[in-house]
Amino acid sequence: MKVSDILRVKGGTLYTISPNEPLERAVQTMAEFDIGSLAVMEHGELVGMLTFRELIHTLARSGGSLGNRTVRAVMDDHPMSCTPETELEQVRPMMLEKHTRYMPVMDNKMLMGVISFYDVAKAVVDSQNFENKMLKAYIRDWPEEENGKAEPNFP
């Protein structure tokens, strides 16, 4: 399974923000849309990611205040990314190793979407459930021989 399969199921909604926006505006957007990340875009290009992790660290360091900070001041300006053609088996260990919960999907310099750890886990579970159903259907429809014993019918 490829990252493009996740994006196809997830849909094309992208939540973005400018690096010069006040951090307070980013928090409002994330709360309004119940999302955990924003892709930070400048001049049509991805320049960073802002996630709840950066916000929590900022609040912890500043006694619970966002102050006058901008998105640029706290964003991850070197986010790990993948392409639509990246296999899910490659993405999972990357996200686990770097404790990344949100990963931009890039096609050259174009942002195609953002996948979350939840999206990846859901895709794996859905794939396993489908495989289980197919195996159970295969076993249930196992052909019987004339003597009544069930044996596989391999080509």
N, C-alpha and C. Protein backbone atom coordinates (compact mmCIF):
# COMPACT_ATOMS: atom_id res chain seq x y z
N MET A 1 0.84 -1.17 0.00
CA MET A 1 0.00 0.00 0.00
C MET A 1 0.89 1.24 0.00
N LYS A 2 0.47 2.24 -0.76
CA LYS A 2 1.25 3.47 -0.89
C LYS A 2 0.56 4.62 -0.16
N VAL A 3 1.33 5.66 0.10
CA VAL A 3 0.80 6.86 0.74
C VAL A 3 -0.34 7.46 -0.08
N SER A 4 -0.25 7.36 -1.40
CA SER A 4 -1.32 7.89 -2.26
C SER A 4 -2.66 7.22 -1.97
N ASP A 5 -2.64 5.95 -1.54
CA ASP A 5 -3.88 5.26 -1.17
C ASP A 5 -4.52 5.90 0.05
N ILE A 6 -3.70 6.29 1.02
CA ILE A 6 -4.22 6.96 2.21
C ILE A 6 -4.81 8.32 1.83
N LEU A 7 -4.10 9.07 1.00
CA LEU A 7 -4.59 10.39 0.59
C LEU A 7 -5.90 10.29 -0.17
N ARG A 8 -6.04 9.26 -0.98
CA ARG A 8 -7.27 9.07 -1.76
C ARG A 8 -8.46 8.86 -0.83
N VAL A 9 -8.29 8.05 0.20
CA VAL A 9 -9.36 7.77 1.16
C VAL A 9 -9.61 8.99 2.05
N LYS A 10 -8.54 9.65 2.45
CA LYS A 10 -8.63 10.77 3.39
C LYS A 10 -9.30 11.99 2.78
N GLY A 11 -9.09 12.21 1.51
CA GLY A 11 -9.64 13.40 0.87
C GLY A 11 -8.59 14.48 0.72
N GLY A 12 -8.97 15.56 0.07
CA GLY A 12 -7.99 16.57 -0.32
C GLY A 12 -7.94 17.82 0.52
N THR A 13 -8.58 17.84 1.69
CA THR A 13 -8.57 19.04 2.51
C THR A 13 -7.20 19.26 3.13
N LEU A 14 -6.64 20.45 2.90
CA LEU A 14 -5.35 20.82 3.48
C LEU A 14 -5.55 22.04 4.38
N TYR A 15 -4.99 21.99 5.55
CA TYR A 15 -5.03 23.12 6.47
C TYR A 15 -3.64 23.73 6.51
N THR A 16 -3.56 24.98 6.11
CA THR A 16 -2.27 25.66 6.02
C THR A 16 -2.32 26.99 6.76
N ILE A 17 -1.13 27.53 7.00
CA ILE A 17 -1.00 28.83 7.64
C ILE A 17 0.30 29.46 7.16
N SER A 18 0.36 30.77 7.21
CA SER A 18 1.57 31.51 6.86
C SER A 18 2.50 31.54 8.07
N PRO A 19 3.81 31.54 7.84
CA PRO A 19 4.74 31.58 8.98
C PRO A 19 4.68 32.90 9.75
N ASN A 20 4.14 33.95 9.13
CA ASN A 20 4.09 35.26 9.78
C ASN A 20 2.81 35.48 10.58
N GLU A 21 1.91 34.50 10.56
CA GLU A 21 0.66 34.61 11.34
C GLU A 21 0.97 34.50 12.83
N PRO A 22 0.16 35.17 13.65
CA PRO A 22 0.33 35.02 15.10
C PRO A 22 0.03 33.57 15.51
N LEU A 23 0.77 33.09 16.47
CA LEU A 23 0.59 31.74 16.97
C LEU A 23 -0.84 31.55 17.49
N GLU A 24 -1.41 32.59 18.05
CA GLU A 24 -2.78 32.52 18.55
C GLU A 24 -3.75 32.16 17.43
N ARG A 25 -3.54 32.69 16.24
CA ARG A 25 -4.40 32.37 15.09
C ARG A 25 -4.27 30.90 14.72
N ALA A 26 -3.07 30.36 14.80
CA ALA A 26 -2.85 28.93 14.51
C ALA A 26 -3.62 28.07 15.49
N VAL A 27 -3.57 28.42 16.77
CA VAL A 27 -4.29 27.66 17.80
C VAL A 27 -5.79 27.72 17.53
N GLN A 28 -6.30 28.89 17.18
CA GLN A 28 -7.72 29.03 16.88
C GLN A 28 -8.13 28.15 15.70
N THR A 29 -7.32 28.12 14.66
CA THR A 29 -7.60 27.30 13.48
C THR A 29 -7.59 25.82 13.83
N MET A 30 -6.59 25.40 14.57
CA MET A 30 -6.49 23.99 14.95
C MET A 30 -7.67 23.58 15.82
N ALA A 31 -8.09 24.44 16.72
CA ALA A 31 -9.24 24.14 17.59
C ALA A 31 -10.54 24.12 16.78
N GLU A 32 -10.69 25.09 15.88
CA GLU A 32 -11.92 25.19 15.07
C GLU A 32 -12.14 23.95 14.22
N PHE A 33 -11.07 23.44 13.62
CA PHE A 33 -11.20 22.31 12.71
C PHE A 33 -10.82 20.97 13.36
N ASP A 34 -10.51 21.00 14.67
CA ASP A 34 -10.16 19.80 15.42
C ASP A 34 -9.04 19.03 14.73
N ILE A 35 -7.95 19.73 14.47
CA ILE A 35 -6.79 19.14 13.80
C ILE A 35 -5.55 19.31 14.67
N GLY A 36 -4.57 18.46 14.45
CA GLY A 36 -3.37 18.48 15.26
C GLY A 36 -2.17 19.10 14.59
N SER A 37 -2.34 19.55 13.33
CA SER A 37 -1.19 20.14 12.63
C SER A 37 -1.65 21.12 11.57
N LEU A 38 -0.75 22.00 11.23
CA LEU A 38 -0.94 22.92 10.10
C LEU A 38 0.32 22.90 9.25
N ALA A 39 0.15 22.82 7.95
CA ALA A 39 1.29 22.94 7.04
C ALA A 39 1.58 24.44 6.91
N VAL A 40 2.83 24.80 7.09
CA VAL A 40 3.22 26.21 7.03
C VAL A 40 3.72 26.50 5.62
N MET A 41 3.00 27.40 4.93
CA MET A 41 3.27 27.68 3.52
C MET A 41 3.71 29.13 3.35
N GLU A 42 4.71 29.33 2.47
CA GLU A 42 5.18 30.67 2.14
C GLU A 42 5.53 30.69 0.66
N HIS A 43 4.95 31.63 -0.06
CA HIS A 43 5.17 31.75 -1.51
C HIS A 43 4.87 30.44 -2.23
N GLY A 44 3.82 29.74 -1.78
CA GLY A 44 3.40 28.50 -2.43
C GLY A 44 4.23 27.28 -2.12
N GLU A 45 5.16 27.40 -1.19
CA GLU A 45 6.01 26.27 -0.83
C GLU A 45 5.90 25.95 0.65
N LEU A 46 6.06 24.66 0.97
CA LEU A 46 6.07 24.22 2.36
C LEU A 46 7.37 24.67 3.01
N VAL A 47 7.24 25.41 4.12
CA VAL A 47 8.44 25.87 4.83
C VAL A 47 8.51 25.30 6.25
N GLY A 48 7.45 24.57 6.64
CA GLY A 48 7.48 23.99 7.98
C GLY A 48 6.16 23.34 8.33
N MET A 49 6.14 22.74 9.52
CA MET A 49 4.93 22.16 10.09
C MET A 49 4.78 22.68 11.51
N LEU A 50 3.54 22.97 11.85
CA LEU A 50 3.22 23.36 13.21
C LEU A 50 2.26 22.30 13.76
N THR A 51 2.66 21.67 14.85
CA THR A 51 1.81 20.64 15.45
C THR A 51 1.54 21.01 16.90
N PHE A 52 0.62 20.27 17.50
CA PHE A 52 0.31 20.54 18.90
C PHE A 52 1.53 20.34 19.78
N ARG A 53 2.49 19.54 19.33
CA ARG A 53 3.72 19.31 20.10
C ARG A 53 4.50 20.62 20.28
N GLU A 54 4.68 21.37 19.18
CA GLU A 54 5.39 22.65 19.28
C GLU A 54 4.62 23.63 20.15
N LEU A 55 3.30 23.60 20.04
CA LEU A 55 2.48 24.51 20.86
C LEU A 55 2.60 24.18 22.34
N ILE A 56 2.55 22.91 22.69
CA ILE A 56 2.66 22.51 24.10
C ILE A 56 4.02 22.90 24.66
N HIS A 57 5.08 22.67 23.90
CA HIS A 57 6.43 23.04 24.35
C HIS A 57 6.52 24.55 24.57
N THR A 58 5.95 25.31 23.66
CA THR A 58 5.98 26.77 23.77
C THR A 58 5.23 27.22 25.03
N LEU A 59 4.05 26.66 25.25
CA LEU A 59 3.27 27.02 26.44
C LEU A 59 4.00 26.63 27.72
N ALA A 60 4.64 25.48 27.71
CA ALA A 60 5.36 25.02 28.90
C ALA A 60 6.54 25.93 29.22
N ARG A 61 7.26 26.37 28.20
CA ARG A 61 8.44 27.22 28.41
C ARG A 61 8.07 28.65 28.80
N SER A 62 6.86 29.08 28.45
CA SER A 62 6.51 30.49 28.68
C SER A 62 5.41 30.66 29.72
N GLY A 63 5.26 29.69 30.58
CA GLY A 63 4.29 29.82 31.66
C GLY A 63 2.85 29.88 31.19
N GLY A 64 2.54 29.24 30.08
CA GLY A 64 1.17 29.16 29.60
C GLY A 64 0.74 30.29 28.68
N SER A 65 1.67 31.12 28.27
CA SER A 65 1.34 32.25 27.40
C SER A 65 1.95 32.08 26.02
N LEU A 66 1.18 32.43 25.00
CA LEU A 66 1.72 32.40 23.63
C LEU A 66 2.45 33.70 23.31
N GLY A 67 2.13 34.76 24.04
CA GLY A 67 2.78 36.05 23.81
C GLY A 67 2.50 36.55 22.40
N ASN A 68 3.47 37.23 21.84
CA ASN A 68 3.35 37.80 20.49
C ASN A 68 4.05 36.94 19.45
N ARG A 69 4.31 35.70 19.77
CA ARG A 69 5.07 34.83 18.86
C ARG A 69 4.31 34.59 17.56
N THR A 70 5.10 34.38 16.53
CA THR A 70 4.54 34.01 15.23
C THR A 70 4.72 32.51 15.03
N VAL A 71 4.05 32.00 14.04
CA VAL A 71 4.18 30.58 13.70
C VAL A 71 5.64 30.24 13.41
N ARG A 72 6.32 31.13 12.69
CA ARG A 72 7.73 30.88 12.32
C ARG A 72 8.61 30.64 13.55
N ALA A 73 8.30 31.30 14.65
CA ALA A 73 9.14 31.20 15.85
C ALA A 73 9.12 29.81 16.47
N VAL A 74 8.07 29.04 16.25
CA VAL A 74 7.98 27.75 16.93
C VAL A 74 7.80 26.55 16.01
N MET A 75 7.57 26.79 14.72
CA MET A 75 7.32 25.68 13.78
C MET A 75 8.56 24.80 13.61
N ASP A 76 8.33 23.58 13.15
CA ASP A 76 9.41 22.68 12.75
C ASP A 76 9.76 23.08 11.32
N ASP A 77 10.93 23.67 11.13
CA ASP A 77 11.29 24.16 9.79
C ASP A 77 12.01 23.12 8.94
N HIS A 78 12.13 21.90 9.44
CA HIS A 78 12.70 20.80 8.66
C HIS A 78 11.87 19.53 8.88
N PRO A 79 10.60 19.57 8.52
CA PRO A 79 9.77 18.38 8.77
C PRO A 79 10.16 17.22 7.86
N MET A 80 10.07 16.03 8.43
CA MET A 80 10.29 14.82 7.64
C MET A 80 9.10 14.70 6.68
N SER A 81 9.36 14.28 5.45
CA SER A 81 8.27 14.15 4.47
C SER A 81 8.42 12.85 3.69
N CYS A 82 7.37 12.55 2.93
CA CYS A 82 7.38 11.39 2.05
C CYS A 82 6.71 11.80 0.74
N THR A 83 6.65 10.88 -0.20
CA THR A 83 6.00 11.15 -1.48
C THR A 83 4.74 10.29 -1.58
N PRO A 84 3.87 10.59 -2.53
CA PRO A 84 2.70 9.73 -2.72
C PRO A 84 3.07 8.29 -3.06
N GLU A 85 4.23 8.07 -3.63
CA GLU A 85 4.66 6.74 -4.03
C GLU A 85 5.38 5.96 -2.93
N THR A 86 5.61 6.60 -1.79
CA THR A 86 6.27 5.93 -0.68
C THR A 86 5.38 4.80 -0.17
N GLU A 87 5.97 3.65 0.05
CA GLU A 87 5.23 2.50 0.58
C GLU A 87 4.98 2.70 2.07
N LEU A 88 3.83 2.24 2.53
CA LEU A 88 3.46 2.37 3.93
C LEU A 88 4.48 1.69 4.84
N GLU A 89 5.07 0.59 4.37
CA GLU A 89 6.07 -0.13 5.17
C GLU A 89 7.30 0.73 5.43
N GLN A 90 7.53 1.75 4.60
CA GLN A 90 8.64 2.68 4.81
C GLN A 90 8.24 3.81 5.75
N VAL A 91 7.00 4.24 5.67
CA VAL A 91 6.53 5.38 6.46
C VAL A 91 6.44 5.02 7.94
N ARG A 92 5.92 3.84 8.23
CA ARG A 92 5.71 3.46 9.64
C ARG A 92 6.98 3.55 10.47
N PRO A 93 8.08 2.94 10.06
CA PRO A 93 9.29 3.04 10.90
C PRO A 93 9.85 4.46 10.95
N MET A 94 9.69 5.24 9.87
CA MET A 94 10.15 6.63 9.88
C MET A 94 9.41 7.42 10.95
N MET A 95 8.09 7.26 11.00
CA MET A 95 7.28 8.00 11.97
C MET A 95 7.60 7.55 13.39
N LEU A 96 7.78 6.25 13.59
CA LEU A 96 8.07 5.74 14.92
C LEU A 96 9.45 6.20 15.40
N GLU A 97 10.44 6.11 14.53
CA GLU A 97 11.81 6.46 14.92
C GLU A 97 11.93 7.93 15.33
N LYS A 98 11.26 8.81 14.62
CA LYS A 98 11.37 10.25 14.88
C LYS A 98 10.22 10.79 15.73
N HIS A 99 9.35 9.90 16.20
CA HIS A 99 8.18 10.32 17.00
C HIS A 99 7.35 11.36 16.26
N THR A 100 7.22 11.15 14.95
CA THR A 100 6.47 12.07 14.10
C THR A 100 5.02 11.65 14.03
N ARG A 101 4.13 12.57 14.35
CA ARG A 101 2.70 12.27 14.30
C ARG A 101 2.05 12.75 13.01
N TYR A 102 2.70 13.72 12.34
CA TYR A 102 2.15 14.30 11.10
C TYR A 102 3.27 14.41 10.09
N MET A 103 2.99 13.94 8.86
CA MET A 103 4.03 13.96 7.83
C MET A 103 3.47 14.55 6.54
N PRO A 104 4.12 15.62 6.05
CA PRO A 104 3.70 16.17 4.76
C PRO A 104 4.03 15.19 3.62
N VAL A 105 3.15 15.16 2.64
CA VAL A 105 3.35 14.32 1.46
C VAL A 105 3.66 15.27 0.31
N MET A 106 4.86 15.13 -0.25
CA MET A 106 5.34 16.06 -1.26
C MET A 106 5.53 15.37 -2.61
N ASP A 107 5.13 16.05 -3.67
CA ASP A 107 5.43 15.63 -5.03
C ASP A 107 6.32 16.71 -5.60
N ASN A 108 7.61 16.47 -5.58
CA ASN A 108 8.63 17.49 -5.83
C ASN A 108 8.44 18.59 -4.79
N LYS A 109 8.10 19.82 -5.20
CA LYS A 109 7.92 20.90 -4.22
C LYS A 109 6.45 21.17 -3.93
N MET A 110 5.56 20.32 -4.47
CA MET A 110 4.13 20.54 -4.26
C MET A 110 3.61 19.71 -3.10
N LEU A 111 2.94 20.38 -2.16
CA LEU A 111 2.33 19.69 -1.03
C LEU A 111 1.06 18.99 -1.50
N MET A 112 1.03 17.68 -1.37
CA MET A 112 -0.11 16.88 -1.81
C MET A 112 -1.08 16.59 -0.66
N GLY A 113 -0.60 16.66 0.56
CA GLY A 113 -1.43 16.38 1.72
C GLY A 113 -0.56 16.17 2.93
N VAL A 114 -1.21 15.88 4.04
CA VAL A 114 -0.51 15.56 5.28
C VAL A 114 -1.16 14.29 5.83
N ILE A 115 -0.32 13.31 6.15
CA ILE A 115 -0.85 12.09 6.76
C ILE A 115 -0.47 12.09 8.23
N SER A 116 -1.33 11.50 9.02
CA SER A 116 -1.08 11.42 10.46
C SER A 116 -0.76 9.97 10.83
N PHE A 117 -0.23 9.83 12.03
CA PHE A 117 0.04 8.48 12.53
C PHE A 117 -1.27 7.70 12.59
N TYR A 118 -2.36 8.39 12.93
CA TYR A 118 -3.69 7.76 12.95
C TYR A 118 -4.06 7.24 11.56
N ASP A 119 -3.83 8.06 10.51
CA ASP A 119 -4.15 7.65 9.14
C ASP A 119 -3.39 6.38 8.76
N VAL A 120 -2.13 6.33 9.14
CA VAL A 120 -1.29 5.17 8.82
C VAL A 120 -1.80 3.94 9.58
N ALA A 121 -2.07 4.10 10.87
CA ALA A 121 -2.56 2.97 11.67
C ALA A 121 -3.90 2.47 11.13
N LYS A 122 -4.79 3.38 10.78
CA LYS A 122 -6.10 3.01 10.25
C LYS A 122 -5.95 2.24 8.94
N ALA A 123 -5.06 2.70 8.07
CA ALA A 123 -4.84 2.01 6.79
C ALA A 123 -4.34 0.59 7.02
N VAL A 124 -3.45 0.41 7.97
CA VAL A 124 -2.92 -0.93 8.27
C VAL A 124 -4.04 -1.83 8.81
N VAL A 125 -4.82 -1.32 9.74
CA VAL A 125 -5.92 -2.11 10.32
C VAL A 125 -6.95 -2.45 9.25
N ASP A 126 -7.33 -1.47 8.43
CA ASP A 126 -8.30 -1.73 7.35
C ASP A 126 -7.78 -2.79 6.39
N SER A 127 -6.50 -2.71 6.06
CA SER A 127 -5.90 -3.69 5.16
C SER A 127 -5.92 -5.09 5.77
N GLN A 128 -5.59 -5.17 7.06
CA GLN A 128 -5.60 -6.47 7.74
C GLN A 128 -7.02 -7.02 7.84
N ASN A 129 -8.00 -6.16 8.11
CA ASN A 129 -9.39 -6.61 8.18
C ASN A 129 -9.86 -7.15 6.84
N PHE A 130 -9.49 -6.47 5.76
CA PHE A 130 -9.86 -6.93 4.42
C PHE A 130 -9.23 -8.29 4.13
N GLU A 131 -7.95 -8.41 4.47
CA GLU A 131 -7.25 -9.68 4.25
C GLU A 131 -7.90 -10.80 5.06
N ASN A 132 -8.28 -10.51 6.31
CA ASN A 132 -8.97 -11.52 7.14
C ASN A 132 -10.28 -11.95 6.50
N LYS A 133 -11.06 -11.01 6.01
CA LYS A 133 -12.33 -11.34 5.37
C LYS A 133 -12.11 -12.22 4.15
N MET A 134 -11.10 -11.89 3.36
CA MET A 134 -10.82 -12.67 2.17
C MET A 134 -10.39 -14.09 2.53
N LEU A 135 -9.55 -14.23 3.55
CA LEU A 135 -9.11 -15.55 3.98
C LEU A 135 -10.27 -16.37 4.53
N LYS A 136 -11.13 -15.74 5.33
CA LYS A 136 -12.30 -16.44 5.87
C LYS A 136 -13.25 -16.87 4.76
N ALA A 137 -13.43 -16.02 3.77
CA ALA A 137 -14.30 -16.37 2.63
C ALA A 137 -13.69 -17.53 1.86
N TYR A 138 -12.38 -17.51 1.70
CA TYR A 138 -11.69 -18.60 0.98
C TYR A 138 -11.86 -19.92 1.73
N ILE A 139 -11.67 -19.87 3.05
CA ILE A 139 -11.79 -21.09 3.85
C ILE A 139 -13.24 -21.59 3.83
N ARG A 140 -14.20 -20.68 3.96
CA ARG A 140 -15.62 -21.07 3.97
C ARG A 140 -16.02 -21.69 2.64
N ASP A 141 -15.47 -21.23 1.54
CA ASP A 141 -15.82 -21.72 0.21
C ASP A 141 -14.86 -22.80 -0.29
N TRP A 142 -14.14 -23.43 0.63
CA TRP A 142 -13.17 -24.46 0.28
C TRP A 142 -13.90 -25.59 -0.47
N PRO A 143 -13.41 -25.98 -1.61
CA PRO A 143 -14.10 -27.04 -2.38
C PRO A 143 -13.96 -28.40 -1.71
N GLU A 144 -15.00 -29.19 -1.80
CA GLU A 144 -14.96 -30.53 -1.22
C GLU A 144 -14.71 -31.55 -2.33
N GLU A 145 -13.98 -32.62 -1.97
CA GLU A 145 -13.76 -33.72 -2.92
C GLU A 145 -14.94 -34.67 -2.86
N GLU A 146 -14.98 -35.56 -3.78
CA GLU A 146 -16.09 -36.53 -3.85
C GLU A 146 -16.19 -37.39 -2.59
N ASN A 147 -15.07 -37.70 -1.94
CA ASN A 147 -15.10 -38.54 -0.75
C ASN A 147 -15.49 -37.75 0.51
N GLY A 148 -15.82 -36.45 0.35
CA GLY A 148 -16.28 -35.64 1.47
C GLY A 148 -15.17 -34.94 2.22
N LYS A 149 -13.92 -35.20 1.89
CA LYS A 149 -12.83 -34.52 2.56
C LYS A 149 -12.54 -33.21 1.84
N ALA A 150 -12.30 -32.19 2.64
CA ALA A 150 -11.97 -30.88 2.08
C ALA A 150 -10.47 -30.82 1.85
N GLU A 151 -10.09 -30.54 0.63
CA GLU A 151 -8.69 -30.37 0.31
C GLU A 151 -8.55 -29.15 -0.59
N PRO A 152 -7.42 -28.51 -0.52
CA PRO A 152 -7.22 -27.32 -1.35
C PRO A 152 -7.20 -27.68 -2.82
N ASN A 153 -7.65 -26.76 -3.63
CA ASN A 153 -7.68 -26.93 -5.07
C ASN A 153 -6.66 -25.97 -5.67
N PHE A 154 -5.39 -26.35 -5.62
CA PHE A 154 -4.33 -25.49 -6.11
C PHE A 154 -4.14 -25.72 -7.61
N PRO A 155 -3.93 -24.64 -8.35
CA PRO A 155 -3.70 -24.80 -9.80
C PRO A 155 -2.37 -25.46 -10.09
